[in-house]
Amino acid sequence: MKFYEKIILLRKQKGLTQEALAFKLGISRQAISKWETGECEPDISKLKELAKLFNVSIDYLLFDDYEDKIDSNESNYINKIVINKNYWPIVAITSIIVLLAMILICIFVEFDLNTNHSGFIGFLESWNLEATIIKIIMIIALILLSFSICKIINIARKDKNEN
């Protein structure tokens, strides 16, 4: 893979426009365009900045035959980022499902016959072992849901600030 192809690939994987990349590097968009068409290549200081920005080695950027080993590592690195970002919505959805399941259990199962209420209110009034375990599970699910929502919001803010 040629240098200009790598720059295009890395820029798109990072979700950057030519303009955004140029801004991050403190150069014009036209310079990025010339790099990506193969008209010219960056000087050594910009090459260092590109390697740091894209988390690749300068060797990877410069040498055409240096792609196979690094490309697979780079895609693994990018996949880890995507997985980490997508982890929190999965935690939030799982927490919601657990909460709904626990609420349904509370509504349809009688935990303590000594209470004056049935359903969810009866569940809240009962303090036997089964009800206590379900209450603990619900509290943990609520904590995980709250934490994952905060993480999702923070990730969205970071993504917005990066672009």
C-alpha atoms as a PDB file:
ATOM      1  CA  MET A   1       0.000   0.000   0.000  1.00  0.00           C
ATOM      2  CA  LYS A   2       1.360   3.416  -0.949  1.00  0.00           C
ATOM      3  CA  PHE A   3       1.787   6.327   1.470  1.00  0.00           C
ATOM      4  CA  TYR A   4      -1.149   8.284   0.045  1.00  0.00           C
ATOM      5  CA  GLU A   5      -3.424   5.233   0.315  1.00  0.00           C
ATOM      6  CA  LYS A   6      -2.439   4.767   3.947  1.00  0.00           C
ATOM      7  CA  ILE A   7      -3.181   8.422   4.739  1.00  0.00           C
ATOM      8  CA  ILE A   8      -6.634   8.149   3.163  1.00  0.00           C
ATOM      9  CA  LEU A   9      -7.358   4.885   5.001  1.00  0.00           C
ATOM     10  CA  LEU A  10      -6.148   6.123   8.379  1.00  0.00           C
ATOM     11  CA  ARG A  11      -7.969   9.447   8.058  1.00  0.00           C
ATOM     12  CA  LYS A  12     -11.246   7.714   7.195  1.00  0.00           C
ATOM     13  CA  GLN A  13     -10.811   5.125   9.966  1.00  0.00           C
ATOM     14  CA  LYS A  14     -10.338   7.992  12.407  1.00  0.00           C
ATOM     15  CA  GLY A  15     -13.496   9.633  10.987  1.00  0.00           C
ATOM     16  CA  LEU A  16     -11.709  12.809   9.936  1.00  0.00           C
ATOM     17  CA  THR A  17     -12.291  14.995   6.906  1.00  0.00           C
ATOM     18  CA  GLN A  18      -9.338  16.465   5.032  1.00  0.00           C
ATOM     19  CA  GLU A  19     -10.196  19.784   6.630  1.00  0.00           C
ATOM     20  CA  ALA A  20     -10.274  18.326  10.160  1.00  0.00           C
ATOM     21  CA  LEU A  21      -6.950  16.547   9.668  1.00  0.00           C
ATOM     22  CA  ALA A  22      -5.411  19.729   8.279  1.00  0.00           C
ATOM     23  CA  PHE A  23      -6.653  21.666  11.311  1.00  0.00           C
ATOM     24  CA  LYS A  24      -5.155  19.103  13.715  1.00  0.00           C
ATOM     25  CA  LEU A  25      -1.810  19.327  11.930  1.00  0.00           C
ATOM     26  CA  GLY A  26      -1.877  23.109  11.511  1.00  0.00           C
ATOM     27  CA  ILE A  27      -1.672  23.030   7.712  1.00  0.00           C
ATOM     28  CA  SER A  28      -3.984  23.703   4.774  1.00  0.00           C
ATOM     29  CA  ARG A  29      -6.552  21.283   3.433  1.00  0.00           C
ATOM     30  CA  GLN A  30      -4.827  21.550   0.056  1.00  0.00           C
ATOM     31  CA  ALA A  31      -1.656  20.058   1.572  1.00  0.00           C
ATOM     32  CA  ILE A  32      -3.659  17.038   2.779  1.00  0.00           C
ATOM     33  CA  SER A  33      -5.232  16.754  -0.664  1.00  0.00           C
ATOM     34  CA  LYS A  34      -1.781  16.732  -2.299  1.00  0.00           C
ATOM     35  CA  TRP A  35      -0.600  14.020   0.110  1.00  0.00           C
ATOM     36  CA  GLU A  36      -3.675  11.903  -0.671  1.00  0.00           C
ATOM     37  CA  THR A  37      -3.263  12.253  -4.449  1.00  0.00           C
ATOM     38  CA  GLY A  38       0.429  11.398  -4.238  1.00  0.00           C
ATOM     39  CA  GLU A  39       1.562  14.796  -5.554  1.00  0.00           C
ATOM     40  CA  CYS A  40       3.835  15.308  -2.542  1.00  0.00           C
ATOM     41  CA  GLU A  41       4.651  13.929   0.894  1.00  0.00           C
ATOM     42  CA  PRO A  42       4.845  15.661   4.280  1.00  0.00           C
ATOM     43  CA  ASP A  43       8.064  16.847   5.869  1.00  0.00           C
ATOM     44  CA  ILE A  44       9.517  14.888   8.785  1.00  0.00           C
ATOM     45  CA  SER A  45       7.818  16.973  11.507  1.00  0.00           C
ATOM     46  CA  LYS A  46       4.375  16.403   9.974  1.00  0.00           C
ATOM     47  CA  LEU A  47       5.226  12.746   9.472  1.00  0.00           C
ATOM     48  CA  LYS A  48       5.892  12.443  13.216  1.00  0.00           C
ATOM     49  CA  GLU A  49       2.584  14.165  13.988  1.00  0.00           C
ATOM     50  CA  LEU A  50       0.725  11.849  11.585  1.00  0.00           C
ATOM     51  CA  ALA A  51       2.263   8.743  13.165  1.00  0.00           C
ATOM     52  CA  LYS A  52       1.318   9.958  16.624  1.00  0.00           C
ATOM     53  CA  LEU A  53      -2.201  11.001  15.602  1.00  0.00           C
ATOM     54  CA  PHE A  54      -2.955   7.696  13.874  1.00  0.00           C
ATOM     55  CA  ASN A  55      -1.082   5.530  16.412  1.00  0.00           C
ATOM     56  CA  VAL A  56       1.175   3.967  13.772  1.00  0.00           C
ATOM     57  CA  SER A  57       4.926   3.912  13.242  1.00  0.00           C
ATOM     58  CA  ILE A  58       6.713   6.175  10.791  1.00  0.00           C
ATOM     59  CA  ASP A  59       7.997   3.003   9.109  1.00  0.00           C
ATOM     60  CA  TYR A  60       4.424   1.976   8.445  1.00  0.00           C
ATOM     61  CA  LEU A  61       3.707   5.318   6.806  1.00  0.00           C
ATOM     62  CA  LEU A  62       6.861   5.414   4.681  1.00  0.00           C
ATOM     63  CA  PHE A  63       7.475   1.863   3.492  1.00  0.00           C
ATOM     64  CA  ASP A  64       5.046   0.366   0.998  1.00  0.00           C
ATOM     65  CA  ASP A  65       5.939  -3.230   1.887  1.00  0.00           C
ATOM     66  CA  TYR A  66       5.568  -2.629   5.631  1.00  0.00           C
ATOM     67  CA  GLU A  67       1.801  -2.971   5.555  1.00  0.00           C
ATOM     68  CA  ASP A  68       0.742  -6.537   6.270  1.00  0.00           C
ATOM     69  CA  LYS A  69       1.903  -6.901   9.871  1.00  0.00           C
ATOM     70  CA  ILE A  70       1.040  -3.351  10.872  1.00  0.00           C
ATOM     71  CA  ASP A  71      -2.265  -3.197   8.989  1.00  0.00           C
ATOM     72  CA  SER A  72      -3.595  -6.161  10.955  1.00  0.00           C
ATOM     73  CA  ASN A  73      -2.395  -4.611  14.221  1.00  0.00           C
ATOM     74  CA  GLU A  74      -3.886  -1.274  13.254  1.00  0.00           C
ATOM     75  CA  SER A  75      -7.244  -2.815  12.419  1.00  0.00           C
ATOM     76  CA  ASN A  76      -7.149  -4.713  15.734  1.00  0.00           C
ATOM     77  CA  TYR A  77      -6.426  -1.441  17.518  1.00  0.00           C
ATOM     78  CA  ILE A  78      -9.303   0.280  15.754  1.00  0.00           C
ATOM     79  CA  ASN A  79     -11.615  -2.682  16.437  1.00  0.00           C
ATOM     80  CA  LYS A  80     -10.741  -2.450  20.145  1.00  0.00           C
ATOM     81  CA  ILE A  81     -11.700   1.225  20.139  1.00  0.00           C
ATOM     82  CA  VAL A  82     -15.021   0.467  18.446  1.00  0.00           C
ATOM     83  CA  ILE A  83     -15.727  -2.428  20.811  1.00  0.00           C
ATOM     84  CA  ASN A  84     -14.929  -0.290  23.841  1.00  0.00           C
ATOM     85  CA  LYS A  85     -17.211   2.478  22.632  1.00  0.00           C
ATOM     86  CA  ASN A  86     -19.996   0.006  21.883  1.00  0.00           C
ATOM     87  CA  TYR A  87     -19.610  -1.807  25.202  1.00  0.00           C
ATOM     88  CA  TRP A  88     -21.562   0.732  27.274  1.00  0.00           C
ATOM     89  CA  PRO A  89     -24.786   0.701  25.223  1.00  0.00           C
ATOM     90  CA  ILE A  90     -24.789  -3.088  25.608  1.00  0.00           C
ATOM     91  CA  VAL A  91     -24.395  -2.706  29.384  1.00  0.00           C
ATOM     92  CA  ALA A  92     -27.251  -0.164  29.435  1.00  0.00           C
ATOM     93  CA  ILE A  93     -29.588  -2.392  27.410  1.00  0.00           C
ATOM     94  CA  THR A  94     -28.730  -5.436  29.542  1.00  0.00           C
ATOM     95  CA  SER A  95     -29.400  -3.445  32.719  1.00  0.00           C
ATOM     96  CA  ILE A  96     -32.790  -2.345  31.397  1.00  0.00           C
ATOM     97  CA  ILE A  97     -33.687  -5.934  30.505  1.00  0.00           C
ATOM     98  CA  VAL A  98     -32.648  -7.167  33.966  1.00  0.00           C
ATOM     99  CA  LEU A  99     -34.673  -4.391  35.635  1.00  0.00           C
ATOM    100  CA  LEU A 100     -37.756  -5.198  33.566  1.00  0.00           C
ATOM    101  CA  ALA A 101     -37.401  -8.923  34.304  1.00  0.00           C
ATOM    102  CA  MET A 102     -37.099  -8.241  38.038  1.00  0.00           C
ATOM    103  CA  ILE A 103     -40.132  -5.945  37.978  1.00  0.00           C
ATOM    104  CA  LEU A 104     -42.165  -8.606  36.160  1.00  0.00           C
ATOM    105  CA  ILE A 105     -41.092 -11.180  38.732  1.00  0.00           C
ATOM    106  CA  CYS A 106     -42.144  -8.801  41.485  1.00  0.00           C
ATOM    107  CA  ILE A 107     -45.557  -8.235  39.944  1.00  0.00           C
ATOM    108  CA  PHE A 108     -46.441 -11.865  39.311  1.00  0.00           C
ATOM    109  CA  VAL A 109     -44.799 -13.693  42.219  1.00  0.00           C
ATOM    110  CA  GLU A 110     -45.997 -13.452  45.790  1.00  0.00           C
ATOM    111  CA  PHE A 111     -43.006 -13.255  48.114  1.00  0.00           C
ATOM    112  CA  ASP A 112     -44.643 -12.902  51.487  1.00  0.00           C
ATOM    113  CA  LEU A 113     -48.187 -13.809  52.307  1.00  0.00           C
ATOM    114  CA  ASN A 114     -48.127 -11.663  55.477  1.00  0.00           C
ATOM    115  CA  THR A 115     -48.251  -8.350  53.593  1.00  0.00           C
ATOM    116  CA  ASN A 116     -51.467  -6.493  52.907  1.00  0.00           C
ATOM    117  CA  HIS A 117     -50.520  -5.823  49.294  1.00  0.00           C
ATOM    118  CA  SER A 118     -49.759  -7.926  46.267  1.00  0.00           C
ATOM    119  CA  GLY A 119     -47.649  -7.307  43.194  1.00  0.00           C
ATOM    120  CA  PHE A 120     -44.864  -4.750  43.249  1.00  0.00           C
ATOM    121  CA  ILE A 121     -46.034  -3.009  46.454  1.00  0.00           C
ATOM    122  CA  GLY A 122     -46.171  -6.349  48.225  1.00  0.00           C
ATOM    123  CA  PHE A 123     -42.691  -7.081  46.961  1.00  0.00           C
ATOM    124  CA  LEU A 124     -41.396  -3.778  48.348  1.00  0.00           C
ATOM    125  CA  GLU A 125     -42.950  -4.544  51.740  1.00  0.00           C
ATOM    126  CA  SER A 126     -41.525  -8.067  51.993  1.00  0.00           C
ATOM    127  CA  TRP A 127     -38.039  -8.682  53.334  1.00  0.00           C
ATOM    128  CA  ASN A 128     -37.590 -12.407  52.966  1.00  0.00           C
ATOM    129  CA  LEU A 129     -34.441 -13.829  51.344  1.00  0.00           C
ATOM    130  CA  GLU A 130     -35.800 -14.049  47.796  1.00  0.00           C
ATOM    131  CA  ALA A 131     -37.123 -10.494  47.822  1.00  0.00           C
ATOM    132  CA  THR A 132     -33.872  -9.176  49.275  1.00  0.00           C
ATOM    133  CA  ILE A 133     -31.793 -10.890  46.581  1.00  0.00           C
ATOM    134  CA  ILE A 134     -34.008  -9.448  43.848  1.00  0.00           C
ATOM    135  CA  LYS A 135     -33.775  -5.985  45.416  1.00  0.00           C
ATOM    136  CA  ILE A 136     -29.979  -6.236  45.413  1.00  0.00           C
ATOM    137  CA  ILE A 137     -29.981  -7.317  41.751  1.00  0.00           C
ATOM    138  CA  MET A 138     -32.243  -4.382  40.891  1.00  0.00           C
ATOM    139  CA  ILE A 139     -29.980  -1.917  42.720  1.00  0.00           C
ATOM    140  CA  ILE A 140     -26.903  -3.262  40.909  1.00  0.00           C
ATOM    141  CA  ALA A 141     -28.740  -3.022  37.571  1.00  0.00           C
ATOM    142  CA  LEU A 142     -29.748   0.573  38.337  1.00  0.00           C
ATOM    143  CA  ILE A 143     -26.165   1.493  39.233  1.00  0.00           C
ATOM    144  CA  LEU A 144     -24.827  -0.125  36.043  1.00  0.00           C
ATOM    145  CA  LEU A 145     -27.518   1.601  33.979  1.00  0.00           C
ATOM    146  CA  SER A 146     -26.679   5.006  35.466  1.00  0.00           C
ATOM    147  CA  PHE A 147     -22.945   4.483  35.003  1.00  0.00           C
ATOM    148  CA  SER A 148     -23.306   3.283  31.412  1.00  0.00           C
ATOM    149  CA  ILE A 149     -25.519   6.246  30.499  1.00  0.00           C
ATOM    150  CA  CYS A 150     -22.849   8.599  31.890  1.00  0.00           C
ATOM    151  CA  LYS A 151     -20.162   6.764  29.883  1.00  0.00           C
ATOM    152  CA  ILE A 152     -22.239   6.935  26.685  1.00  0.00           C
ATOM    153  CA  ILE A 153     -22.713  10.681  27.149  1.00  0.00           C
ATOM    154  CA  ASN A 154     -18.979  11.197  27.808  1.00  0.00           C
ATOM    155  CA  ILE A 155     -18.024   9.182  24.712  1.00  0.00           C
ATOM    156  CA  ALA A 156     -20.476  11.189  22.606  1.00  0.00           C
ATOM    157  CA  ARG A 157     -18.997  14.450  23.931  1.00  0.00           C
ATOM    158  CA  LYS A 158     -15.435  13.313  23.225  1.00  0.00           C
ATOM    159  CA  ASP A 159     -16.376  12.241  19.701  1.00  0.00           C
ATOM    160  CA  LYS A 160     -18.073  15.582  19.095  1.00  0.00           C
ATOM    161  CA  ASN A 161     -15.017  17.488  20.393  1.00  0.00           C
ATOM    162  CA  GLU A 162     -12.609  15.398  18.255  1.00  0.00           C
ATOM    163  CA  ASN A 163     -14.551  16.191  15.100  1.00  0.00           C
END
